Each structure stands twice: as C-alpha cells, then as structure tokens.
PDB file of all heavy atoms in Angstrom:
ATOM      1  N   ALA A   1      39.319 -24.318  31.522  1.00  0.00           N
ATOM      2  CA  ALA A   1      40.227 -23.185  31.698  1.00  0.00           C
ATOM      3  C   ALA A   1      39.501 -21.859  31.461  1.00  0.00           C
ATOM      4  O   ALA A   1      39.825 -20.853  32.091  1.00  0.00           O
ATOM      5  CB  ALA A   1      41.425 -23.316  30.764  1.00  0.00           C
ATOM      6  N   TYR A   2      38.500 -21.868  30.581  1.00  0.00           N
ATOM      7  CA  TYR A   2      37.691 -20.664  30.335  1.00  0.00           C
ATOM      8  C   TYR A   2      36.622 -20.456  31.412  1.00  0.00           C
ATOM      9  O   TYR A   2      35.967 -19.424  31.429  1.00  0.00           O
ATOM     10  CB  TYR A   2      37.026 -20.721  28.956  1.00  0.00           C
ATOM     11  CG  TYR A   2      37.948 -20.414  27.810  1.00  0.00           C
ATOM     12  CD1 TYR A   2      38.203 -21.371  26.832  1.00  0.00           C
ATOM     13  CD2 TYR A   2      38.566 -19.171  27.690  1.00  0.00           C
ATOM     14  CE1 TYR A   2      39.046 -21.103  25.761  1.00  0.00           C
ATOM     15  CE2 TYR A   2      39.417 -18.894  26.629  1.00  0.00           C
ATOM     16  CZ  TYR A   2      39.651 -19.860  25.670  1.00  0.00           C
ATOM     17  OH  TYR A   2      40.493 -19.584  24.614  1.00  0.00           O
ATOM     18  N   GLY A   3      36.405 -21.443  32.296  1.00  0.00           N
ATOM     19  CA  GLY A   3      35.473 -21.236  33.408  1.00  0.00           C
ATOM     20  C   GLY A   3      34.364 -22.246  33.573  1.00  0.00           C
ATOM     21  O   GLY A   3      33.598 -22.167  34.531  1.00  0.00           O
ATOM     22  N   GLN A   4      34.225 -23.215  32.657  1.00  0.00           N
ATOM     23  CA  GLN A   4      33.182 -24.234  32.811  1.00  0.00           C
ATOM     24  C   GLN A   4      33.411 -25.007  34.103  1.00  0.00           C
ATOM     25  O   GLN A   4      34.524 -25.398  34.419  1.00  0.00           O
ATOM     26  CB  GLN A   4      33.197 -25.201  31.623  1.00  0.00           C
ATOM     27  CG  GLN A   4      32.164 -26.305  31.743  1.00  0.00           C
ATOM     28  CD  GLN A   4      32.252 -27.336  30.622  1.00  0.00           C
ATOM     29  OE1 GLN A   4      33.125 -27.280  29.773  1.00  0.00           O
ATOM     30  NE2 GLN A   4      31.332 -28.282  30.644  1.00  0.00           N
ATOM     31  N   THR A   5      32.338 -25.256  34.855  1.00  0.00           N
ATOM     32  CA  THR A   5      32.461 -25.979  36.125  1.00  0.00           C
ATOM     33  C   THR A   5      31.758 -27.336  36.130  1.00  0.00           C
ATOM     34  O   THR A   5      32.087 -28.180  36.952  1.00  0.00           O
ATOM     35  CB  THR A   5      31.879 -25.152  37.293  1.00  0.00           C
ATOM     36  OG1 THR A   5      30.541 -24.769  36.959  1.00  0.00           O
ATOM     37  CG2 THR A   5      32.729 -23.930  37.583  1.00  0.00           C
ATOM     38  N   VAL A   6      30.793 -27.545  35.235  1.00  0.00           N
ATOM     39  CA  VAL A   6      30.011 -28.786  35.264  1.00  0.00           C
ATOM     40  C   VAL A   6      29.940 -29.383  33.861  1.00  0.00           C
ATOM     41  O   VAL A   6      29.576 -28.692  32.900  1.00  0.00           O
ATOM     42  CB  VAL A   6      28.579 -28.541  35.792  1.00  0.00           C
ATOM     43  CG1 VAL A   6      27.770 -29.829  35.796  1.00  0.00           C
ATOM     44  CG2 VAL A   6      28.599 -27.911  37.178  1.00  0.00           C
ATOM     45  N   MET A   7      30.284 -30.674  33.777  1.00  0.00           N
ATOM     46  CA  MET A   7      30.110 -31.456  32.561  1.00  0.00           C
ATOM     47  C   MET A   7      29.118 -32.566  32.896  1.00  0.00           C
ATOM     48  O   MET A   7      29.232 -33.186  33.958  1.00  0.00           O
ATOM     49  CB  MET A   7      31.439 -32.080  32.126  1.00  0.00           C
ATOM     50  CG  MET A   7      32.517 -31.058  31.792  1.00  0.00           C
ATOM     51  SD  MET A   7      34.154 -31.818  31.635  1.00  0.00           S
ATOM     52  CE  MET A   7      34.583 -32.056  33.360  1.00  0.00           C
ATOM     53  N   ILE A   8      28.163 -32.791  31.995  1.00  0.00           N
ATOM     54  CA  ILE A   8      27.152 -33.837  32.219  1.00  0.00           C
ATOM     55  C   ILE A   8      27.134 -34.736  30.993  1.00  0.00           C
ATOM     56  O   ILE A   8      27.001 -34.247  29.868  1.00  0.00           O
ATOM     57  CB  ILE A   8      25.753 -33.213  32.429  1.00  0.00           C
ATOM     58  CG1 ILE A   8      25.782 -32.163  33.535  1.00  0.00           C
ATOM     59  CG2 ILE A   8      24.720 -34.306  32.720  1.00  0.00           C
ATOM     60  CD1 ILE A   8      24.641 -31.182  33.482  1.00  0.00           C
ATOM     61  N   GLY A   9      27.257 -36.031  31.207  1.00  0.00           N
ATOM     62  CA  GLY A   9      27.249 -36.969  30.092  1.00  0.00           C
ATOM     63  C   GLY A   9      27.191 -38.386  30.598  1.00  0.00           C
ATOM     64  O   GLY A   9      26.585 -38.664  31.638  1.00  0.00           O
ATOM     65  N   LYS A  10      27.856 -39.285  29.866  1.00  0.00           N
ATOM     66  CA  LYS A  10      27.954 -40.681  30.297  1.00  0.00           C
ATOM     67  C   LYS A  10      29.295 -41.223  29.819  1.00  0.00           C
ATOM     68  O   LYS A  10      29.835 -40.779  28.816  1.00  0.00           O
ATOM     69  CB  LYS A  10      26.797 -41.518  29.760  1.00  0.00           C
ATOM     70  CG  LYS A  10      26.816 -41.719  28.257  1.00  0.00           C
ATOM     71  CD  LYS A  10      25.687 -42.616  27.793  1.00  0.00           C
ATOM     72  CE  LYS A  10      25.796 -42.814  26.266  1.00  0.00           C
ATOM     73  NZ  LYS A  10      24.741 -43.648  25.759  1.00  0.00           N
ATOM     74  N   GLY A  11      29.828 -42.156  30.574  1.00  0.00           N
ATOM     75  CA  GLY A  11      31.055 -42.824  30.172  1.00  0.00           C
ATOM     76  C   GLY A  11      32.313 -42.243  30.782  1.00  0.00           C
ATOM     77  O   GLY A  11      32.290 -41.229  31.478  1.00  0.00           O
ATOM     78  N   LEU A  12      33.410 -42.935  30.503  1.00  0.00           N
ATOM     79  CA  LEU A  12      34.711 -42.606  31.071  1.00  0.00           C
ATOM     80  C   LEU A  12      35.277 -41.289  30.546  1.00  0.00           C
ATOM     81  O   LEU A  12      34.909 -40.853  29.454  1.00  0.00           O
ATOM     82  CB  LEU A  12      35.702 -43.735  30.751  1.00  0.00           C
ATOM     83  CG  LEU A  12      35.311 -45.135  31.220  1.00  0.00           C
ATOM     84  CD1 LEU A  12      36.281 -46.165  30.670  1.00  0.00           C
ATOM     85  CD2 LEU A  12      35.245 -45.193  32.732  1.00  0.00           C
ATOM     86  N   ARG A  13      36.177 -40.687  31.323  1.00  0.00           N
ATOM     87  CA  ARG A  13      36.919 -39.491  30.915  1.00  0.00           C
ATOM     88  C   ARG A  13      38.401 -39.819  30.965  1.00  0.00           C
ATOM     89  O   ARG A  13      38.852 -40.636  31.774  1.00  0.00           O
ATOM     90  CB  ARG A  13      36.637 -38.307  31.855  1.00  0.00           C
ATOM     91  CG  ARG A  13      35.166 -37.949  32.040  1.00  0.00           C
ATOM     92  CD  ARG A  13      34.370 -37.794  30.752  1.00  0.00           C
ATOM     93  NE  ARG A  13      34.816 -36.776  29.826  1.00  0.00           N
ATOM     94  CZ  ARG A  13      34.407 -35.510  29.837  1.00  0.00           C
ATOM     95  NH1 ARG A  13      33.527 -35.115  30.725  1.00  0.00           N
ATOM     96  NH2 ARG A  13      34.842 -34.652  28.944  1.00  0.00           N
ATOM     97  N   ASN A  14      39.209 -39.144  30.148  1.00  0.00           N
ATOM     98  CA  ASN A  14      40.635 -39.445  30.147  1.00  0.00           C
ATOM     99  C   ASN A  14      41.375 -38.671  31.238  1.00  0.00           C
ATOM    100  O   ASN A  14      40.804 -37.795  31.896  1.00  0.00           O
ATOM    101  CB  ASN A  14      41.245 -39.247  28.747  1.00  0.00           C
ATOM    102  CG  ASN A  14      41.367 -37.796  28.334  1.00  0.00           C
ATOM    103  OD1 ASN A  14      41.514 -36.885  29.152  1.00  0.00           O
ATOM    104  ND2 ASN A  14      41.340 -37.559  27.030  1.00  0.00           N
ATOM    105  N   GLU A  15      42.638 -39.014  31.422  1.00  0.00           N
ATOM    106  CA  GLU A  15      43.434 -38.418  32.502  1.00  0.00           C
ATOM    107  C   GLU A  15      43.613 -36.912  32.333  1.00  0.00           C
ATOM    108  O   GLU A  15      43.662 -36.178  33.321  1.00  0.00           O
ATOM    109  CB  GLU A  15      44.802 -39.102  32.628  1.00  0.00           C
ATOM    110  CG  GLU A  15      44.756 -40.381  33.427  1.00  0.00           C
ATOM    111  CD  GLU A  15      44.160 -40.229  34.826  1.00  0.00           C
ATOM    112  OE1 GLU A  15      44.563 -39.318  35.584  1.00  0.00           O
ATOM    113  OE2 GLU A  15      43.257 -41.025  35.156  1.00  0.00           O
ATOM    114  N   ASP A  16      43.738 -36.415  31.097  1.00  0.00           N
ATOM    115  CA  ASP A  16      43.884 -34.972  30.883  1.00  0.00           C
ATOM    116  C   ASP A  16      42.659 -34.223  31.396  1.00  0.00           C
ATOM    117  O   ASP A  16      42.777 -33.151  31.999  1.00  0.00           O
ATOM    118  CB  ASP A  16      44.094 -34.655  29.399  1.00  0.00           C
ATOM    119  CG  ASP A  16      45.451 -35.107  28.886  1.00  0.00           C
ATOM    120  OD1 ASP A  16      46.368 -35.318  29.704  1.00  0.00           O
ATOM    121  OD2 ASP A  16      45.596 -35.253  27.652  1.00  0.00           O
ATOM    122  N   VAL A  17      41.488 -34.773  31.169  1.00  0.00           N
ATOM    123  CA  VAL A  17      40.247 -34.153  31.648  1.00  0.00           C
ATOM    124  C   VAL A  17      40.212 -34.173  33.172  1.00  0.00           C
ATOM    125  O   VAL A  17      39.904 -33.160  33.812  1.00  0.00           O
ATOM    126  CB  VAL A  17      39.004 -34.856  31.060  1.00  0.00           C
ATOM    127  CG1 VAL A  17      37.721 -34.338  31.699  1.00  0.00           C
ATOM    128  CG2 VAL A  17      38.957 -34.673  29.549  1.00  0.00           C
ATOM    129  N   ILE A  18      40.565 -35.291  33.768  1.00  0.00           N
ATOM    130  CA  ILE A  18      40.526 -35.402  35.228  1.00  0.00           C
ATOM    131  C   ILE A  18      41.532 -34.454  35.868  1.00  0.00           C
ATOM    132  O   ILE A  18      41.222 -33.782  36.861  1.00  0.00           O
ATOM    133  CB  ILE A  18      40.746 -36.870  35.664  1.00  0.00           C
ATOM    134  CG1 ILE A  18      39.556 -37.725  35.175  1.00  0.00           C
ATOM    135  CG2 ILE A  18      40.901 -36.973  37.181  1.00  0.00           C
ATOM    136  CD1 ILE A  18      39.761 -39.221  35.309  1.00  0.00           C
ATOM    137  N   GLU A  19      42.720 -34.341  35.293  1.00  0.00           N
ATOM    138  CA  GLU A  19      43.722 -33.400  35.820  1.00  0.00           C
ATOM    139  C   GLU A  19      43.223 -31.958  35.702  1.00  0.00           C
ATOM    140  O   GLU A  19      43.412 -31.152  36.610  1.00  0.00           O
ATOM    141  CB  GLU A  19      45.067 -33.572  35.114  1.00  0.00           C
ATOM    142  CG  GLU A  19      45.802 -34.834  35.525  1.00  0.00           C
ATOM    143  CD  GLU A  19      46.036 -34.940  37.034  1.00  0.00           C
ATOM    144  OE1 GLU A  19      46.507 -33.968  37.649  1.00  0.00           O
ATOM    145  OE2 GLU A  19      45.728 -36.014  37.606  1.00  0.00           O
ATOM    146  N   ALA A  20      42.574 -31.631  34.595  1.00  0.00           N
ATOM    147  CA  ALA A  20      42.012 -30.283  34.429  1.00  0.00           C
ATOM    148  C   ALA A  20      40.906 -30.024  35.443  1.00  0.00           C
ATOM    149  O   ALA A  20      40.781 -28.910  35.972  1.00  0.00           O
ATOM    150  CB  ALA A  20      41.490 -30.093  33.004  1.00  0.00           C
ATOM    151  N   MET A  21      40.110 -31.040  35.745  1.00  0.00           N
ATOM    152  CA  MET A  21      39.048 -30.899  36.746  1.00  0.00           C
ATOM    153  C   MET A  21      39.653 -30.559  38.102  1.00  0.00           C
ATOM    154  O   MET A  21      39.152 -29.683  38.814  1.00  0.00           O
ATOM    155  CB  MET A  21      38.227 -32.189  36.843  1.00  0.00           C
ATOM    156  CG  MET A  21      37.373 -32.457  35.624  1.00  0.00           C
ATOM    157  SD  MET A  21      36.637 -34.101  35.642  1.00  0.00           S
ATOM    158  CE  MET A  21      35.626 -33.995  37.086  1.00  0.00           C
ATOM    159  N   LYS A  22      40.728 -31.250  38.457  1.00  0.00           N
ATOM    160  CA  LYS A  22      41.386 -30.997  39.739  1.00  0.00           C
ATOM    161  C   LYS A  22      41.976 -29.585  39.769  1.00  0.00           C
ATOM    162  O   LYS A  22      41.857 -28.875  40.766  1.00  0.00           O
ATOM    163  CB  LYS A  22      42.468 -32.057  39.986  1.00  0.00           C
ATOM    164  CG  LYS A  22      41.858 -33.426  40.248  1.00  0.00           C
ATOM    165  CD  LYS A  22      42.743 -34.643  40.195  1.00  0.00           C
ATOM    166  CE  LYS A  22      44.158 -34.594  40.522  1.00  0.00           C
ATOM    167  NZ  LYS A  22      44.832 -35.917  40.425  1.00  0.00           N
ATOM    168  N   LYS A  23      42.591 -29.175  38.687  1.00  0.00           N
ATOM    169  CA  LYS A  23      43.198 -27.847  38.602  1.00  0.00           C
ATOM    170  C   LYS A  23      42.148 -26.736  38.631  1.00  0.00           C
ATOM    171  O   LYS A  23      42.307 -25.727  39.318  1.00  0.00           O
ATOM    172  CB  LYS A  23      44.027 -27.742  37.320  1.00  0.00           C
ATOM    173  CG  LYS A  23      44.657 -26.387  37.108  1.00  0.00           C
ATOM    174  CD  LYS A  23      45.408 -26.323  35.794  1.00  0.00           C
ATOM    175  CE  LYS A  23      45.948 -24.926  35.587  1.00  0.00           C
ATOM    176  NZ  LYS A  23      46.481 -24.738  34.237  1.00  0.00           N
ATOM    177  N   GLU A  24      41.062 -26.933  37.886  1.00  0.00           N
ATOM    178  CA  GLU A  24      40.076 -25.858  37.694  1.00  0.00           C
ATOM    179  C   GLU A  24      38.896 -25.912  38.665  1.00  0.00           C
ATOM    180  O   GLU A  24      38.090 -24.991  38.693  1.00  0.00           O
ATOM    181  CB  GLU A  24      39.550 -25.885  36.254  1.00  0.00           C
ATOM    182  CG  GLU A  24      40.619 -25.746  35.187  1.00  0.00           C
ATOM    183  CD  GLU A  24      41.344 -24.407  35.199  1.00  0.00           C
ATOM    184  OE1 GLU A  24      40.852 -23.441  35.813  1.00  0.00           O
ATOM    185  OE2 GLU A  24      42.424 -24.329  34.581  1.00  0.00           O
ATOM    186  N   GLY A  25      38.749 -26.991  39.416  1.00  0.00           N
ATOM    187  CA  GLY A  25      37.624 -27.090  40.352  1.00  0.00           C
ATOM    188  C   GLY A  25      36.310 -27.412  39.670  1.00  0.00           C
ATOM    189  O   GLY A  25      35.274 -26.853  40.002  1.00  0.00           O
ATOM    190  N   ALA A  26      36.360 -28.328  38.711  1.00  0.00           N
ATOM    191  CA  ALA A  26      35.158 -28.709  37.963  1.00  0.00           C
ATOM    192  C   ALA A  26      34.730 -30.129  38.349  1.00  0.00           C
ATOM    193  O   ALA A  26      35.493 -30.870  38.957  1.00  0.00           O
ATOM    194  CB  ALA A  26      35.423 -28.632  36.462  1.00  0.00           C
ATOM    195  N   VAL A  27      33.496 -30.482  37.979  1.00  0.00           N
ATOM    196  CA  VAL A  27      32.963 -31.808  38.270  1.00  0.00           C
ATOM    197  C   VAL A  27      32.344 -32.417  37.018  1.00  0.00           C
ATOM    198  O   VAL A  27      31.919 -31.710  36.110  1.00  0.00           O
ATOM    199  CB  VAL A  27      31.900 -31.791  39.403  1.00  0.00           C
ATOM    200  CG1 VAL A  27      32.525 -31.393  40.722  1.00  0.00           C
ATOM    201  CG2 VAL A  27      30.734 -30.896  39.058  1.00  0.00           C
ATOM    202  N   TYR A  28      32.313 -33.761  37.039  1.00  0.00           N
ATOM    203  CA  TYR A  28      31.681 -34.520  35.970  1.00  0.00           C
ATOM    204  C   TYR A  28      30.509 -35.276  36.563  1.00  0.00           C
ATOM    205  O   TYR A  28      30.667 -36.052  37.510  1.00  0.00           O
ATOM    206  CB  TYR A  28      32.689 -35.487  35.344  1.00  0.00           C
ATOM    207  CG  TYR A  28      32.110 -36.431  34.328  1.00  0.00           C
ATOM    208  CD1 TYR A  28      31.362 -35.967  33.248  1.00  0.00           C
ATOM    209  CD2 TYR A  28      32.338 -37.801  34.425  1.00  0.00           C
ATOM    210  CE1 TYR A  28      30.844 -36.843  32.300  1.00  0.00           C
ATOM    211  CE2 TYR A  28      31.828 -38.686  33.480  1.00  0.00           C
ATOM    212  CZ  TYR A  28      31.089 -38.206  32.424  1.00  0.00           C
ATOM    213  OH  TYR A  28      30.577 -39.065  31.486  1.00  0.00           O
ATOM    214  N   LEU A  29      29.335 -35.005  36.025  1.00  0.00           N
ATOM    215  CA  LEU A  29      28.107 -35.655  36.475  1.00  0.00           C
ATOM    216  C   LEU A  29      27.619 -36.595  35.381  1.00  0.00           C
ATOM    217  O   LEU A  29      27.738 -36.289  34.197  1.00  0.00           O
ATOM    218  CB  LEU A  29      27.023 -34.614  36.762  1.00  0.00           C
ATOM    219  CG  LEU A  29      27.407 -33.443  37.676  1.00  0.00           C
ATOM    220  CD1 LEU A  29      26.240 -32.464  37.793  1.00  0.00           C
ATOM    221  CD2 LEU A  29      27.845 -33.934  39.036  1.00  0.00           C
ATOM    222  N   THR A  30      27.064 -37.720  35.804  1.00  0.00           N
ATOM    223  CA  THR A  30      26.510 -38.661  34.849  1.00  0.00           C
ATOM    224  C   THR A  30      24.994 -38.589  34.880  1.00  0.00           C
ATOM    225  O   THR A  30      24.388 -38.581  35.947  1.00  0.00           O
ATOM    226  CB  THR A  30      26.964 -40.101  35.179  1.00  0.00           C
ATOM    227  OG1 THR A  30      28.383 -40.166  35.074  1.00  0.00           O
ATOM    228  CG2 THR A  30      26.354 -41.101  34.222  1.00  0.00           C
ATOM    229  N   ALA A  31      24.416 -38.502  33.685  1.00  0.00           N
ATOM    230  CA  ALA A  31      22.970 -38.654  33.510  1.00  0.00           C
ATOM    231  C   ALA A  31      22.772 -40.070  32.970  1.00  0.00           C
ATOM    232  O   ALA A  31      23.631 -40.592  32.256  1.00  0.00           O
ATOM    233  CB  ALA A  31      22.432 -37.616  32.533  1.00  0.00           C
ATOM    234  N   ILE A  32      21.684 -40.685  33.301  1.00  0.00           N
ATOM    235  CA  ILE A  32      21.477 -42.082  32.952  1.00  0.00           C
ATOM    236  C   ILE A  32      21.201 -42.251  31.458  1.00  0.00           C
ATOM    237  O   ILE A  32      20.230 -41.714  30.926  1.00  0.00           O
ATOM    238  CB  ILE A  32      20.321 -42.689  33.778  1.00  0.00           C
ATOM    239  CG1 ILE A  32      20.581 -42.517  35.278  1.00  0.00           C
ATOM    240  CG2 ILE A  32      20.107 -44.161  33.421  1.00  0.00           C
ATOM    241  CD1 ILE A  32      21.885 -43.100  35.785  1.00  0.00           C
ATOM    242  N   GLY A  33      22.082 -43.003  30.803  1.00  0.00           N
ATOM    243  CA  GLY A  33      21.905 -43.304  29.390  1.00  0.00           C
ATOM    244  C   GLY A  33      20.680 -44.176  29.179  1.00  0.00           C
ATOM    245  O   GLY A  33      20.331 -44.990  30.038  1.00  0.00           O
ATOM    246  N   GLY A  34      19.998 -44.007  28.059  1.00  0.00           N
ATOM    247  CA  GLY A  34      18.816 -44.800  27.753  1.00  0.00           C
ATOM    248  C   GLY A  34      17.544 -44.262  28.369  1.00  0.00           C
ATOM    249  O   GLY A  34      16.473 -44.829  28.182  1.00  0.00           O
ATOM    250  N   ALA A  35      17.677 -43.158  29.125  1.00  0.00           N
ATOM    251  CA  ALA A  35      16.502 -42.583  29.788  1.00  0.00           C
ATOM    252  C   ALA A  35      16.181 -41.194  29.247  1.00  0.00           C
ATOM    253  O   ALA A  35      15.627 -40.353  29.948  1.00  0.00           O
ATOM    254  CB  ALA A  35      16.747 -42.528  31.301  1.00  0.00           C
ATOM    255  N   GLY A  36      16.507 -40.962  27.985  1.00  0.00           N
ATOM    256  CA  GLY A  36      16.323 -39.641  27.389  1.00  0.00           C
ATOM    257  C   GLY A  36      14.901 -39.116  27.431  1.00  0.00           C
ATOM    258  O   GLY A  36      14.666 -37.929  27.655  1.00  0.00           O
ATOM    259  N   ALA A  37      13.912 -39.990  27.260  1.00  0.00           N
ATOM    260  CA  ALA A  37      12.510 -39.547  27.308  1.00  0.00           C
ATOM    261  C   ALA A  37      12.131 -39.110  28.716  1.00  0.00           C
ATOM    262  O   ALA A  37      11.418 -38.121  28.901  1.00  0.00           O
ATOM    263  CB  ALA A  37      11.587 -40.661  26.836  1.00  0.00           C
ATOM    264  N   LEU A  38      12.629 -39.825  29.712  1.00  0.00           N
ATOM    265  CA  LEU A  38      12.357 -39.436  31.107  1.00  0.00           C
ATOM    266  C   LEU A  38      13.095 -38.158  31.477  1.00  0.00           C
ATOM    267  O   LEU A  38      12.541 -37.281  32.142  1.00  0.00           O
ATOM    268  CB  LEU A  38      12.728 -40.570  32.063  1.00  0.00           C
ATOM    269  CG  LEU A  38      11.840 -41.798  31.989  1.00  0.00           C
ATOM    270  CD1 LEU A  38      12.408 -42.925  32.844  1.00  0.00           C
ATOM    271  CD2 LEU A  38      10.426 -41.479  32.430  1.00  0.00           C
ATOM    272  N   LEU A  39      14.356 -38.045  31.061  1.00  0.00           N
ATOM    273  CA  LEU A  39      15.130 -36.835  31.355  1.00  0.00           C
ATOM    274  C   LEU A  39      14.477 -35.605  30.718  1.00  0.00           C
ATOM    275  O   LEU A  39      14.497 -34.517  31.298  1.00  0.00           O
ATOM    276  CB  LEU A  39      16.572 -36.997  30.875  1.00  0.00           C
ATOM    277  CG  LEU A  39      17.408 -38.017  31.642  1.00  0.00           C
ATOM    278  CD1 LEU A  39      18.730 -38.275  30.917  1.00  0.00           C
ATOM    279  CD2 LEU A  39      17.655 -37.575  33.074  1.00  0.00           C
ATOM    280  N   ALA A  40      13.895 -35.781  29.546  1.00  0.00           N
ATOM    281  CA  ALA A  40      13.244 -34.658  28.847  1.00  0.00           C
ATOM    282  C   ALA A  40      12.113 -34.065  29.680  1.00  0.00           C
ATOM    283  O   ALA A  40      11.816 -32.870  29.561  1.00  0.00           O
ATOM    284  CB  ALA A  40      12.723 -35.117  27.489  1.00  0.00           C
ATOM    285  N   LYS A  41      11.499 -34.860  30.549  1.00  0.00           N
ATOM    286  CA  LYS A  41      10.415 -34.347  31.390  1.00  0.00           C
ATOM    287  C   LYS A  41      10.908 -33.345  32.427  1.00  0.00           C
ATOM    288  O   LYS A  41      10.127 -32.574  32.969  1.00  0.00           O
ATOM    289  CB  LYS A  41       9.694 -35.510  32.081  1.00  0.00           C
ATOM    290  CG  LYS A  41       8.950 -36.372  31.088  1.00  0.00           C
ATOM    291  CD  LYS A  41       8.224 -37.514  31.755  1.00  0.00           C
ATOM    292  CE  LYS A  41       7.558 -38.346  30.666  1.00  0.00           C
ATOM    293  NZ  LYS A  41       6.430 -39.079  31.105  1.00  0.00           N
ATOM    294  N   CYS A  42      12.212 -33.339  32.683  1.00  0.00           N
ATOM    295  CA  CYS A  42      12.806 -32.384  33.629  1.00  0.00           C
ATOM    296  C   CYS A  42      13.176 -31.075  32.942  1.00  0.00           C
ATOM    297  O   CYS A  42      13.590 -30.120  33.592  1.00  0.00           O
ATOM    298  CB  CYS A  42      14.061 -32.978  34.269  1.00  0.00           C
ATOM    299  SG  CYS A  42      13.757 -34.480  35.204  1.00  0.00           S
ATOM    300  N   ILE A  43      13.042 -31.034  31.623  1.00  0.00           N
ATOM    301  CA  ILE A  43      13.392 -29.838  30.848  1.00  0.00           C
ATOM    302  C   ILE A  43      12.123 -29.019  30.641  1.00  0.00           C
ATOM    303  O   ILE A  43      11.180 -29.468  30.008  1.00  0.00           O
ATOM    304  CB  ILE A  43      14.050 -30.226  29.513  1.00  0.00           C
ATOM    305  CG1 ILE A  43      15.330 -31.024  29.793  1.00  0.00           C
ATOM    306  CG2 ILE A  43      14.327 -28.989  28.667  1.00  0.00           C
ATOM    307  CD1 ILE A  43      15.943 -31.689  28.578  1.00  0.00           C
ATOM    308  N   LYS A  44      12.118 -27.821  31.207  1.00  0.00           N
ATOM    309  CA  LYS A  44      10.920 -26.981  31.185  1.00  0.00           C
ATOM    310  C   LYS A  44      10.908 -26.001  30.020  1.00  0.00           C
ATOM    311  O   LYS A  44       9.855 -25.510  29.623  1.00  0.00           O
ATOM    312  CB  LYS A  44      10.789 -26.218  32.510  1.00  0.00           C
ATOM    313  CG  LYS A  44      10.764 -27.141  33.741  1.00  0.00           C
ATOM    314  CD  LYS A  44       9.694 -28.202  33.619  1.00  0.00           C
ATOM    315  CE  LYS A  44       9.714 -29.207  34.745  1.00  0.00           C
ATOM    316  NZ  LYS A  44       8.852 -30.341  34.522  1.00  0.00           N
TER     317      LYS A  44
END
C-alpha cells in the first residue's frame, strides 16, 4: 500500500498478501533456497 512492487523470498504466501498484490500491482519472485553462496555472487 505504501508502494512496494517486488517481494523476493521463498515459500507460500497467504490470501491477504495475494489480494494486496492484485490490488496494488505487485509481484512475488522466488529466489532458490539453499543457493545463498551462489546468489551472493550476483551482489556487487
């Protein structure tokens, strides 16, 4: 509601979150769990 458009994490989201996404135009992206060392290589 304050303006966030992208959430990145892992796992399920509840219905309140999904309804807010539809209302606000936001998306939920999944990053692969267990790959934290590899993901860190993308952080500059």
